[in-house]
Amino acid sequence: MVNYEQMCRGLGIPDGVDFGKEHWASSQAVLPGDGKIAFLEPGFVEGISQTPISAEVRAALVDALGAFHASRELRCLAWHCHWLLFSEAKESNVKIAEWPKLPGTLEERAPLFYAIVCLSGFPCVQAMHRKRNIPEAITSDTLEDLDLWIRHHKAHFGRWGFKEMNWLTHHLSGILVRLGRLQFCFEQYPSDFRGFRRRGQDRWILLAEAGLKIRSDGQFADANGQAPHPSIRETRFLQETGRASGSPVTPKGAVSAEIETFDLEQWEEVLHKGDVVLGVHIPDIGPLVPSTCDQSFRQALHFFSEHFRDRPFTAFTCHSWLMDPQLEDHLPEKSNIVSFLERFHLHPLPAADHRQTYERVFGDPEISIEQAPQTTSLQKTIAHHARSGGHWRLGGGIIFPPEIQPSAVSADFSAPPR
């Protein structure tokens, strides 16, 4: 058996890059005795069923198998990563916050290493979906992300590769599905805002938690990398018998400087930090046509009540450059982006900056705005605002299930009382 140190030396993995060393002996103990790993054979890649892999990507994956056949250490590492994700011990191991990036020499040697590891788990994902009676078409749409990201790498860098292993672990662990235009992923609500609903009415408010450092424009003090200013204020929140007081978030996604008090006989709390939510993600499969987004949200209400009755959620949430309320001021009123943004209750995010905006619009989060391409109208708009001294940034958004039409939502979507 190849030990962990031998594997690292053979593949040029430097000290400090940890591929789950503590589990190495366990994974290697169940390595196929003949050394032949099924998912590293061309027949597996070529014949795996119900897999939305394009012909050109499939050919690239088959070609990439040569590197594994030439290196015992590489085969052992591939098996180890597969075992971490898909063995009976996966519940403890998929909690790894981040999979390590491949060292440069190893990435050159096996640029589709993680893509092969992802593909190795497709039968496991398909089995998980079948247990929940999820239609095969939804499974196929969900797993299409692997193909999309491999082709994205080729388009961006001019060569085959794959850098989205951390993202694909959501698909592989069964917590993310694509329903039409949008993806939905089980998450814990991470933000310091509380949601309240007016009892018996379709009215919602967001109140900031206590202790948030906020600028005069209602954004977090560290937004856009700016240093704290002496005039920064700190939010207050107080919940006591019969009432809650705090700083509400305005429709423009800014924390108000005013303190308002709400009667809890008239308002009920419906969202709190740590609650189970469905994160909304937007795959790169075309424009955000409003009607297709409508259909995705409606489908989500039905889908999760039918296939995940054991996992109630409190809200749909989105953290994205698309949640920047400034987009409403600079894009046409009827644009797809504005239509998507206006569905949400907006709120600011700490340390929000322009990087994701630049990555999605220009293809490079680090690009100088003076060198940014201005081929499309969106690129021109983003560049003009930045050159005029403006700052783009991430934002957060929330949609509560009763806001999705039809408005009658099953009790299955209500979280258990806290």
Protein backbone atom coordinates (compact mmCIF):
# COMPACT_ATOMS: atom_id res chain seq x y z
CA MET A 1 0.00 0.00 0.00
CA VAL A 2 1.23 3.48 -0.87
CA ASN A 3 1.43 5.58 2.28
CA TYR A 4 0.44 9.24 2.39
CA GLU A 5 4.01 10.57 2.38
CA GLN A 6 4.93 8.42 -0.64
CA MET A 7 1.88 9.71 -2.49
CA CYS A 8 2.81 13.33 -1.76
CA ARG A 9 6.41 12.85 -2.85
CA GLY A 10 5.39 11.05 -6.02
CA LEU A 11 2.95 13.79 -7.01
CA GLY A 12 5.01 16.76 -5.84
CA ILE A 13 2.46 17.81 -3.22
CA PRO A 14 4.17 20.23 -0.82
CA ASP A 15 3.87 20.19 2.93
CA GLY A 16 0.79 21.98 4.19
CA VAL A 17 -1.52 20.78 1.42
CA ASP A 18 -3.84 18.36 3.20
CA PHE A 19 -5.95 15.90 1.24
CA GLY A 20 -7.44 14.38 4.39
CA LYS A 21 -4.27 12.70 5.64
CA GLU A 22 -5.97 11.39 8.79
CA HIS A 23 -8.30 9.25 6.64
CA TRP A 24 -5.67 7.97 4.21
CA ALA A 25 -5.15 4.55 5.83
CA SER A 26 -8.91 3.92 5.93
CA SER A 27 -9.42 4.73 2.27
CA GLN A 28 -6.42 2.72 1.10
CA ALA A 29 -7.52 -0.29 3.14
CA VAL A 30 -10.51 -0.69 0.80
CA LEU A 31 -8.68 0.15 -2.43
CA PRO A 32 -9.58 -2.57 -4.98
CA GLY A 33 -7.07 -5.37 -4.52
CA ASP A 34 -6.15 -5.61 -8.20
CA GLY A 35 -5.51 -1.88 -8.33
CA LYS A 36 -8.15 -1.50 -11.04
CA ILE A 37 -10.49 1.35 -10.14
CA ALA A 38 -13.71 1.20 -12.10
CA PHE A 39 -14.27 4.93 -12.49
CA LEU A 40 -10.77 5.36 -13.98
CA GLU A 41 -11.61 3.08 -16.90
CA PRO A 42 -12.71 4.53 -20.28
CA GLY A 43 -15.81 2.35 -20.23
CA PHE A 44 -17.08 4.10 -17.09
CA VAL A 45 -16.70 7.58 -18.56
CA GLU A 46 -18.10 6.57 -21.92
CA GLY A 47 -20.95 4.45 -20.61
CA ILE A 48 -22.23 6.17 -17.47
CA SER A 49 -25.96 6.59 -18.04
CA GLN A 50 -28.25 9.59 -17.69
CA THR A 51 -25.28 11.91 -17.60
CA PRO A 52 -25.47 15.28 -19.39
CA ILE A 53 -21.83 15.27 -20.52
CA SER A 54 -21.25 16.68 -24.01
CA ALA A 55 -19.32 14.61 -26.53
CA GLU A 56 -16.30 16.94 -26.49
CA VAL A 57 -16.07 16.96 -22.69
CA ARG A 58 -16.53 13.20 -22.54
CA ALA A 59 -13.65 12.78 -25.01
CA ALA A 60 -11.47 15.09 -22.90
CA LEU A 61 -12.27 13.09 -19.76
CA VAL A 62 -11.39 9.80 -21.45
CA ASP A 63 -8.13 11.31 -22.69
CA ALA A 64 -7.35 12.53 -19.15
CA LEU A 65 -7.42 8.96 -17.83
CA GLY A 66 -3.97 8.38 -19.31
CA ALA A 67 -2.37 10.35 -16.48
CA PHE A 68 -4.00 8.04 -13.91
CA HIS A 69 -2.91 4.88 -15.67
CA ALA A 70 0.68 6.17 -15.70
CA SER A 71 0.80 6.93 -11.97
CA ARG A 72 -0.02 4.61 -9.07
CA GLU A 73 0.11 7.56 -6.67
CA LEU A 74 -2.42 9.48 -8.73
CA ARG A 75 -4.77 6.49 -8.77
CA CYS A 76 -4.47 6.15 -4.99
CA LEU A 77 -5.25 9.85 -4.49
CA ALA A 78 -8.26 9.67 -6.81
CA TRP A 79 -9.60 6.68 -4.89
CA HIS A 80 -9.00 8.50 -1.60
CA CYS A 81 -10.98 11.57 -2.71
CA HIS A 82 -13.77 9.35 -4.06
CA TRP A 83 -13.90 7.46 -0.76
CA LEU A 84 -14.03 10.68 1.27
CA LEU A 85 -17.05 11.85 -0.68
CA PHE A 86 -18.99 8.69 -1.33
CA SER A 87 -18.11 5.97 1.19
CA GLU A 88 -20.19 5.01 4.17
CA ALA A 89 -18.03 7.45 6.17
CA LYS A 90 -18.98 10.41 3.97
CA GLU A 91 -21.19 12.10 6.60
CA SER A 92 -18.13 13.12 8.60
CA ASN A 93 -15.86 13.79 5.67
CA VAL A 94 -17.97 15.97 3.40
CA LYS A 95 -17.93 18.59 6.16
CA ILE A 96 -14.44 19.56 5.00
CA ALA A 97 -14.81 23.29 4.43
CA GLU A 98 -12.64 23.41 1.34
CA TRP A 99 -10.94 20.87 -0.85
CA PRO A 100 -7.32 21.87 -1.44
CA LYS A 101 -6.38 23.36 -4.76
CA LEU A 102 -4.14 21.16 -6.85
CA PRO A 103 -0.50 22.25 -6.68
CA GLY A 104 0.69 23.71 -9.96
CA THR A 105 2.74 20.73 -11.11
CA LEU A 106 -0.07 18.29 -10.30
CA GLU A 107 -2.65 20.45 -12.05
CA GLU A 108 -0.49 20.46 -15.19
CA ARG A 109 -0.14 16.68 -14.93
CA ALA A 110 -3.83 15.98 -14.30
CA PRO A 111 -5.93 19.11 -15.07
CA LEU A 112 -9.21 17.15 -14.93
CA PHE A 113 -8.37 15.29 -11.71
CA TYR A 114 -11.26 16.73 -9.69
CA ALA A 115 -13.63 16.42 -12.63
CA ILE A 116 -12.94 12.67 -12.70
CA VAL A 117 -13.55 12.50 -8.94
CA CYS A 118 -16.88 14.30 -9.40
CA LEU A 119 -17.92 12.01 -12.23
CA SER A 120 -17.06 8.97 -10.09
CA GLY A 121 -19.89 9.93 -7.75
CA PHE A 122 -22.62 10.40 -10.33
CA PRO A 123 -24.05 6.90 -9.75
CA CYS A 124 -24.23 7.69 -6.02
CA VAL A 125 -26.11 10.93 -6.70
CA GLN A 126 -28.47 9.15 -9.06
CA ALA A 127 -29.16 6.55 -6.38
CA MET A 128 -29.82 9.26 -3.76
CA HIS A 129 -32.27 10.95 -6.10
CA ARG A 130 -34.05 7.71 -6.89
CA LYS A 131 -34.60 7.09 -3.16
CA ARG A 132 -36.45 10.40 -3.02
CA ASN A 133 -38.34 9.68 -6.24
CA ILE A 134 -36.74 12.65 -7.96
CA PRO A 135 -37.37 12.52 -11.73
CA GLU A 136 -34.39 11.53 -13.86
CA ALA A 137 -34.68 14.75 -15.88
CA ILE A 138 -34.04 16.82 -12.74
CA THR A 139 -31.07 14.63 -11.81
CA SER A 140 -29.65 15.15 -15.29
CA ASP A 141 -30.16 18.92 -15.17
CA THR A 142 -28.52 19.08 -11.75
CA LEU A 143 -25.44 17.13 -12.80
CA GLU A 144 -25.03 19.19 -15.98
CA ASP A 145 -23.05 21.70 -13.93
CA LEU A 146 -19.93 19.54 -14.25
CA ASP A 147 -20.02 19.84 -18.03
CA LEU A 148 -20.79 23.57 -17.83
CA TRP A 149 -17.82 24.34 -15.58
CA ILE A 150 -15.39 22.23 -17.62
CA ARG A 151 -16.44 24.04 -20.79
CA HIS A 152 -16.27 27.37 -18.95
CA HIS A 153 -12.65 26.62 -18.04
CA LYS A 154 -11.82 25.81 -21.66
CA ALA A 155 -13.46 29.02 -22.89
CA HIS A 156 -11.70 31.16 -20.26
CA PHE A 157 -8.22 29.59 -20.18
CA GLY A 158 -8.01 27.94 -23.59
CA ARG A 159 -7.43 24.45 -22.17
CA TRP A 160 -9.38 21.72 -20.44
CA GLY A 161 -9.57 21.99 -16.67
CA PHE A 162 -11.87 22.18 -13.68
CA LYS A 163 -11.62 24.43 -10.60
CA GLU A 164 -15.07 24.13 -9.04
CA MET A 165 -14.69 21.05 -6.82
CA ASN A 166 -15.87 22.88 -3.69
CA TRP A 167 -19.02 24.04 -5.48
CA LEU A 168 -19.82 20.62 -6.95
CA THR A 169 -19.73 19.00 -3.50
CA HIS A 170 -23.21 20.52 -3.02
CA HIS A 171 -24.53 18.56 -5.99
CA LEU A 172 -22.71 15.40 -4.99
CA SER A 173 -24.01 15.43 -1.42
CA GLY A 174 -27.61 15.76 -2.63
CA ILE A 175 -28.37 19.15 -1.06
CA LEU A 176 -28.60 21.04 -4.38
CA VAL A 177 -30.91 20.53 -7.34
CA ARG A 178 -31.58 22.47 -10.50
CA LEU A 179 -35.23 23.13 -11.24
CA GLY A 180 -35.53 24.70 -14.66
CA ARG A 181 -33.62 27.98 -14.83
CA LEU A 182 -32.48 28.13 -11.18
CA GLN A 183 -30.63 26.00 -8.67
CA PHE A 184 -31.75 25.58 -5.06
CA CYS A 185 -29.47 24.46 -2.25
CA PHE A 186 -30.19 23.70 1.40
CA GLU A 187 -28.22 26.15 3.52
CA GLN A 188 -28.27 27.78 6.94
CA TYR A 189 -29.20 31.44 6.81
CA PRO A 190 -25.88 33.20 7.52
CA SER A 191 -26.83 36.87 7.81
CA ASP A 192 -27.47 39.06 10.84
CA PHE A 193 -31.02 40.06 9.93
CA ARG A 194 -34.34 38.90 11.37
CA GLY A 195 -37.45 38.57 9.25
CA PHE A 196 -40.91 39.47 10.59
CA ARG A 197 -44.31 39.08 8.96
CA ARG A 198 -47.44 41.09 9.70
CA ARG A 199 -49.90 38.50 10.99
CA GLY A 200 -52.62 37.74 8.46
CA GLN A 201 -51.05 40.01 5.82
CA ASP A 202 -48.46 39.79 3.07
CA ARG A 203 -46.15 42.33 4.69
CA TRP A 204 -42.59 41.58 5.74
CA ILE A 205 -39.78 43.55 7.37
CA LEU A 206 -36.12 42.85 8.06
CA LEU A 207 -34.51 44.12 11.26
CA ALA A 208 -30.75 44.26 11.77
CA GLU A 209 -29.24 42.40 14.71
CA ALA A 210 -27.49 44.42 17.42
CA GLY A 211 -23.84 45.40 17.07
CA LEU A 212 -23.52 45.72 13.29
CA LYS A 213 -21.21 48.54 12.21
CA ILE A 214 -23.00 50.50 9.49
CA ARG A 215 -22.00 53.50 7.33
CA SER A 216 -24.15 56.52 6.71
CA ASP A 217 -25.32 55.01 3.39
CA GLY A 218 -26.72 51.97 5.22
CA GLN A 219 -23.97 49.59 4.07
CA PHE A 220 -21.55 47.69 6.30
CA ALA A 221 -18.50 49.66 7.41
CA ASP A 222 -16.10 47.41 5.50
CA ALA A 223 -18.03 47.39 2.21
CA ASN A 224 -15.84 47.95 -0.86
CA GLY A 225 -12.72 47.55 1.26
CA GLN A 226 -13.15 50.92 2.91
CA ALA A 227 -11.63 51.51 6.32
CA PRO A 228 -14.03 52.23 9.21
CA HIS A 229 -15.04 55.90 9.44
CA PRO A 230 -15.43 57.80 12.71
CA SER A 231 -19.13 58.38 11.94
CA ILE A 232 -19.88 54.65 11.74
CA ARG A 233 -22.91 53.75 13.83
CA GLU A 234 -23.68 50.51 15.61
CA THR A 235 -27.08 48.91 15.24
CA ARG A 236 -29.32 48.11 18.20
CA PHE A 237 -31.88 45.36 18.54
CA LEU A 238 -34.08 44.54 21.51
CA GLN A 239 -36.74 41.88 21.78
CA GLU A 240 -38.75 41.77 24.96
CA THR A 241 -42.21 40.68 26.01
CA GLY A 242 -44.66 41.84 23.39
CA ARG A 243 -42.39 43.89 21.18
CA ALA A 244 -39.21 44.05 19.09
CA SER A 245 -37.19 47.21 18.37
CA GLY A 246 -34.45 47.67 15.84
CA SER A 247 -33.20 49.21 12.63
CA PRO A 248 -35.28 48.13 9.61
CA VAL A 249 -33.80 47.48 6.19
CA THR A 250 -35.13 49.77 3.48
CA PRO A 251 -36.47 48.49 0.12
CA LYS A 252 -33.15 49.64 -1.37
CA GLY A 253 -31.25 47.18 0.84
CA ALA A 254 -29.78 49.72 3.28
CA VAL A 255 -29.97 49.60 7.08
CA SER A 256 -32.00 52.58 8.27
CA ALA A 257 -30.60 54.90 10.94
CA GLU A 258 -34.03 54.99 12.58
CA ILE A 259 -35.14 52.66 15.38
CA GLU A 260 -38.65 51.30 15.00
CA THR A 261 -40.73 49.24 17.42
CA PHE A 262 -43.09 46.44 16.37
CA ASP A 263 -45.91 44.89 18.37
CA LEU A 264 -45.36 41.13 18.41
CA GLU A 265 -49.08 40.52 18.70
CA GLN A 266 -49.27 41.94 15.19
CA TRP A 267 -45.90 40.74 13.85
CA GLU A 268 -44.40 37.24 14.01
CA GLU A 269 -40.75 36.34 13.53
CA VAL A 270 -40.31 34.12 10.46
CA LEU A 271 -36.53 34.16 9.80
CA HIS A 272 -33.53 34.09 12.10
CA LYS A 273 -29.81 33.52 11.60
CA GLY A 274 -29.13 29.78 11.38
CA ASP A 275 -32.58 28.85 10.03
CA VAL A 276 -32.72 26.34 7.16
CA VAL A 277 -33.22 28.18 3.89
CA LEU A 278 -32.99 27.42 0.18
CA GLY A 279 -30.12 29.31 -1.37
CA VAL A 280 -30.94 30.43 -4.91
CA HIS A 281 -28.12 30.09 -7.45
CA ILE A 282 -28.03 31.05 -11.11
CA PRO A 283 -26.24 28.65 -13.47
CA ASP A 284 -24.75 30.03 -16.67
CA ILE A 285 -27.33 28.57 -19.04
CA GLY A 286 -28.81 31.66 -20.64
CA PRO A 287 -30.73 34.84 -19.82
CA LEU A 288 -32.79 35.28 -16.65
CA VAL A 289 -36.12 35.42 -18.44
CA PRO A 290 -38.76 36.38 -15.82
CA SER A 291 -41.25 33.70 -16.87
CA THR A 292 -38.66 30.93 -16.54
CA CYS A 293 -37.65 32.22 -13.09
CA ASP A 294 -41.32 32.30 -12.08
CA GLN A 295 -41.65 28.69 -13.11
CA SER A 296 -38.53 27.66 -11.16
CA PHE A 297 -39.79 29.20 -7.93
CA ARG A 298 -43.24 27.62 -8.35
CA GLN A 299 -41.65 24.30 -9.14
CA ALA A 300 -39.46 24.59 -6.04
CA LEU A 301 -42.48 24.96 -3.75
CA HIS A 302 -44.01 21.77 -5.12
CA PHE A 303 -40.73 19.87 -5.48
CA PHE A 304 -39.42 20.33 -1.94
CA SER A 305 -42.78 19.63 -0.33
CA GLU A 306 -42.97 16.36 -2.27
CA HIS A 307 -39.38 15.11 -2.23
CA PHE A 308 -37.93 16.71 0.93
CA ARG A 309 -40.82 16.68 3.38
CA ASP A 310 -38.31 15.93 6.14
CA ARG A 311 -36.38 19.17 5.46
CA PRO A 312 -38.66 22.21 5.90
CA PHE A 313 -37.22 25.62 5.05
CA THR A 314 -38.13 29.17 6.00
CA ALA A 315 -37.16 31.27 2.98
CA PHE A 316 -35.40 31.51 -0.36
CA THR A 317 -32.17 33.49 -0.08
CA CYS A 318 -29.58 34.77 -2.52
CA HIS A 319 -26.13 36.30 -1.99
CA SER A 320 -24.97 37.61 -5.35
CA TRP A 321 -23.82 40.56 -7.42
CA LEU A 322 -27.35 40.43 -8.84
CA MET A 323 -28.64 41.61 -5.43
CA ASP A 324 -26.85 44.98 -5.69
CA PRO A 325 -29.71 47.54 -5.55
CA GLN A 326 -27.61 49.98 -7.59
CA LEU A 327 -28.42 47.85 -10.63
CA GLU A 328 -31.97 49.24 -10.50
CA ASP A 329 -30.56 52.74 -10.96
CA HIS A 330 -28.34 51.92 -13.92
CA LEU A 331 -30.15 49.25 -15.94
CA PRO A 332 -33.40 49.53 -17.93
CA GLU A 333 -36.50 49.09 -15.79
CA LYS A 334 -37.64 46.04 -17.74
CA SER A 335 -34.26 44.30 -17.89
CA ASN A 336 -34.11 40.66 -16.79
CA ILE A 337 -31.60 41.49 -14.05
CA VAL A 338 -33.79 44.20 -12.54
CA SER A 339 -36.83 41.93 -12.74
CA PHE A 340 -34.93 39.21 -10.88
CA LEU A 341 -33.60 41.56 -8.22
CA GLU A 342 -37.01 43.10 -7.54
CA ARG A 343 -38.40 39.75 -6.39
CA PHE A 344 -36.30 39.90 -3.23
CA HIS A 345 -36.21 41.77 0.07
CA LEU A 346 -32.68 43.19 -0.19
CA HIS A 347 -30.12 43.64 2.57
CA PRO A 348 -26.41 44.55 2.68
CA LEU A 349 -23.55 42.13 3.27
CA PRO A 350 -20.32 42.65 5.23
CA ALA A 351 -17.09 43.04 3.23
CA ALA A 352 -19.15 43.31 0.03
CA ASP A 353 -17.04 44.32 -2.94
CA HIS A 354 -16.97 44.34 -6.73
CA ARG A 355 -15.08 41.09 -7.34
CA GLN A 356 -18.02 38.87 -8.23
CA THR A 357 -19.53 41.61 -10.40
CA TYR A 358 -16.30 41.90 -12.38
CA GLU A 359 -15.93 38.13 -12.63
CA ARG A 360 -19.46 37.60 -13.95
CA VAL A 361 -19.52 40.64 -16.25
CA PHE A 362 -15.90 40.89 -17.43
CA GLY A 363 -14.65 37.34 -16.76
CA ASP A 364 -11.91 38.42 -14.34
CA PRO A 365 -12.42 39.54 -10.72
CA GLU A 366 -9.03 41.29 -10.71
CA ILE A 367 -9.32 43.18 -13.99
CA SER A 368 -8.54 46.88 -14.05
CA ILE A 369 -11.68 48.78 -14.94
CA GLU A 370 -9.65 50.70 -17.52
CA GLN A 371 -8.88 47.42 -19.31
CA ALA A 372 -12.32 45.86 -18.91
CA PRO A 373 -14.05 44.87 -22.17
CA GLN A 374 -17.05 46.95 -23.16
CA THR A 375 -18.66 44.83 -25.83
CA THR A 376 -22.10 44.43 -24.26
CA SER A 377 -24.42 47.09 -22.87
CA LEU A 378 -24.07 45.53 -19.41
CA GLN A 379 -20.28 45.76 -19.57
CA LYS A 380 -20.54 49.41 -20.60
CA THR A 381 -22.92 50.17 -17.74
CA ILE A 382 -20.77 48.46 -15.10
CA ALA A 383 -17.61 50.14 -16.39
CA HIS A 384 -19.18 53.61 -16.61
CA HIS A 385 -20.37 53.53 -12.99
CA ALA A 386 -16.97 52.36 -11.75
CA ARG A 387 -15.06 54.94 -13.79
CA SER A 388 -17.34 57.63 -12.38
CA GLY A 389 -16.21 56.73 -8.87
CA GLY A 390 -19.00 54.29 -8.03
CA HIS A 391 -18.53 50.94 -6.32
CA TRP A 392 -20.32 47.72 -7.20
CA ARG A 393 -20.86 45.13 -4.49
CA LEU A 394 -22.53 41.91 -3.47
CA GLY A 395 -25.91 42.03 -1.81
CA GLY A 396 -28.29 39.69 -0.06
CA GLY A 397 -31.92 38.94 -0.87
CA ILE A 398 -34.82 37.04 0.70
CA ILE A 399 -38.12 35.71 -0.64
CA PHE A 400 -40.60 34.17 1.78
CA PRO A 401 -42.53 31.12 0.46
CA PRO A 402 -46.00 32.77 0.68
CA GLU A 403 -44.75 35.43 -1.74
CA ILE A 404 -44.44 32.84 -4.50
CA GLN A 405 -47.61 32.48 -6.57
CA PRO A 406 -49.84 30.62 -5.99
CA SER A 407 -49.86 32.13 -2.50
CA ALA A 408 -51.38 29.14 -0.69
CA VAL A 409 -48.34 27.34 0.72
CA SER A 410 -48.51 23.99 2.50
CA ALA A 411 -47.58 23.85 6.17
CA ASP A 412 -44.74 21.61 5.06
CA PHE A 413 -42.78 24.79 4.35
CA SER A 414 -43.07 26.13 7.88
CA ALA A 415 -40.08 25.61 10.12
CA PRO A 416 -40.72 23.97 13.51
CA PRO A 417 -41.17 26.48 16.34
CA ARG A 418 -37.95 27.66 17.95
